[in-house]
């Protein structure tokens, strides 16, 4: 049975169990790929490693190039 995933809200993506569906969503540039990768880890652990690294690379969180510890470090003065 093919399931329709809600990529807009991310609802139900923790139940994702099809690595090919994750790949297709990645190619489409869907949101909530991290949630779906966690779902794959729960439901299909052998197929998630390449996808998990892709999910980290596709993070949409802007950074200034500094490591997290330096970004939040207290500045002198």
Protein backbone atom coordinates (compact mmCIF):
# COMPACT_ATOMS: atom_id res chain seq x y z
CA UNK A 1 0.00 0.00 0.00
CA UNK A 2 1.38 3.39 -0.99
CA UNK A 3 1.04 6.04 1.67
CA UNK A 4 0.71 9.75 1.04
CA UNK A 5 3.15 11.69 3.23
CA UNK A 6 2.47 15.20 4.47
CA UNK A 7 5.71 17.00 3.62
CA UNK A 8 4.17 20.42 4.30
CA UNK A 9 3.52 19.90 8.02
CA UNK A 10 5.74 16.85 8.59
CA UNK A 11 2.84 15.00 10.22
CA UNK A 12 3.28 11.23 10.10
CA UNK A 13 6.84 11.31 8.75
CA UNK A 14 8.16 9.44 11.79
CA UNK A 15 6.40 6.44 10.25
CA UNK A 16 8.38 6.66 6.99
CA UNK A 17 9.73 3.22 6.09
CA UNK A 18 10.66 3.58 2.43
CA UNK A 19 14.18 4.85 1.66
CA UNK A 20 13.22 5.50 -1.96
CA UNK A 21 10.43 7.83 -0.84
CA UNK A 22 12.99 9.78 1.22
CA UNK A 23 15.30 9.99 -1.81
CA UNK A 24 12.46 11.33 -3.96
CA UNK A 25 11.55 13.93 -1.32
CA UNK A 26 15.21 15.00 -1.11
CA UNK A 27 15.34 15.47 -4.88
CA UNK A 28 12.14 17.54 -4.77
CA UNK A 29 13.59 19.71 -1.99
CA UNK A 30 10.83 18.87 0.47
CA UNK A 31 10.81 20.20 4.02
CA UNK A 32 11.00 18.03 7.14
CA UNK A 33 13.67 15.68 5.71
CA UNK A 34 15.24 15.40 9.16
CA UNK A 35 11.98 14.14 10.65
CA UNK A 36 11.65 11.64 7.82
CA UNK A 37 15.27 10.50 8.33
CA UNK A 38 14.48 9.80 11.99
CA UNK A 39 11.46 7.81 10.84
CA UNK A 40 13.71 5.75 8.57
CA UNK A 41 16.10 5.16 11.46
CA UNK A 42 13.22 3.76 13.53
CA UNK A 43 11.61 1.76 10.75
CA UNK A 44 14.36 0.85 8.29
CA UNK A 45 17.76 1.15 10.04
CA UNK A 46 19.87 -0.46 7.30
CA UNK A 47 18.91 2.09 4.67
CA UNK A 48 19.38 5.37 6.50
CA UNK A 49 23.07 6.16 6.69
CA UNK A 50 23.51 7.88 3.31
CA UNK A 51 20.21 9.67 3.80
CA UNK A 52 21.11 10.89 7.26
CA UNK A 53 24.27 12.51 5.94
CA UNK A 54 22.26 14.09 3.12
CA UNK A 55 19.77 15.43 5.66
CA UNK A 56 22.59 17.09 7.58
CA UNK A 57 23.99 18.64 4.40
CA UNK A 58 20.60 19.95 3.33
CA UNK A 59 19.94 21.76 6.59
CA UNK A 60 18.34 25.12 5.91
CA UNK A 61 19.63 26.70 9.11
CA UNK A 62 21.75 29.72 8.18
CA UNK A 63 25.17 29.87 9.76
CA UNK A 64 27.96 32.39 9.68
CA UNK A 65 30.63 29.72 9.33
CA UNK A 66 31.48 29.64 13.02
CA UNK A 67 31.18 26.51 15.06
CA UNK A 68 28.15 26.40 17.39
CA UNK A 69 30.36 26.87 20.45
CA UNK A 70 31.91 30.02 19.00
CA UNK A 71 28.60 31.44 17.81
CA UNK A 72 27.19 31.39 21.33
CA UNK A 73 30.40 32.24 23.19
CA UNK A 74 30.33 35.35 25.34
CA UNK A 75 32.33 38.19 23.87
CA UNK A 76 34.74 40.06 26.13
CA UNK A 77 33.81 43.59 27.15
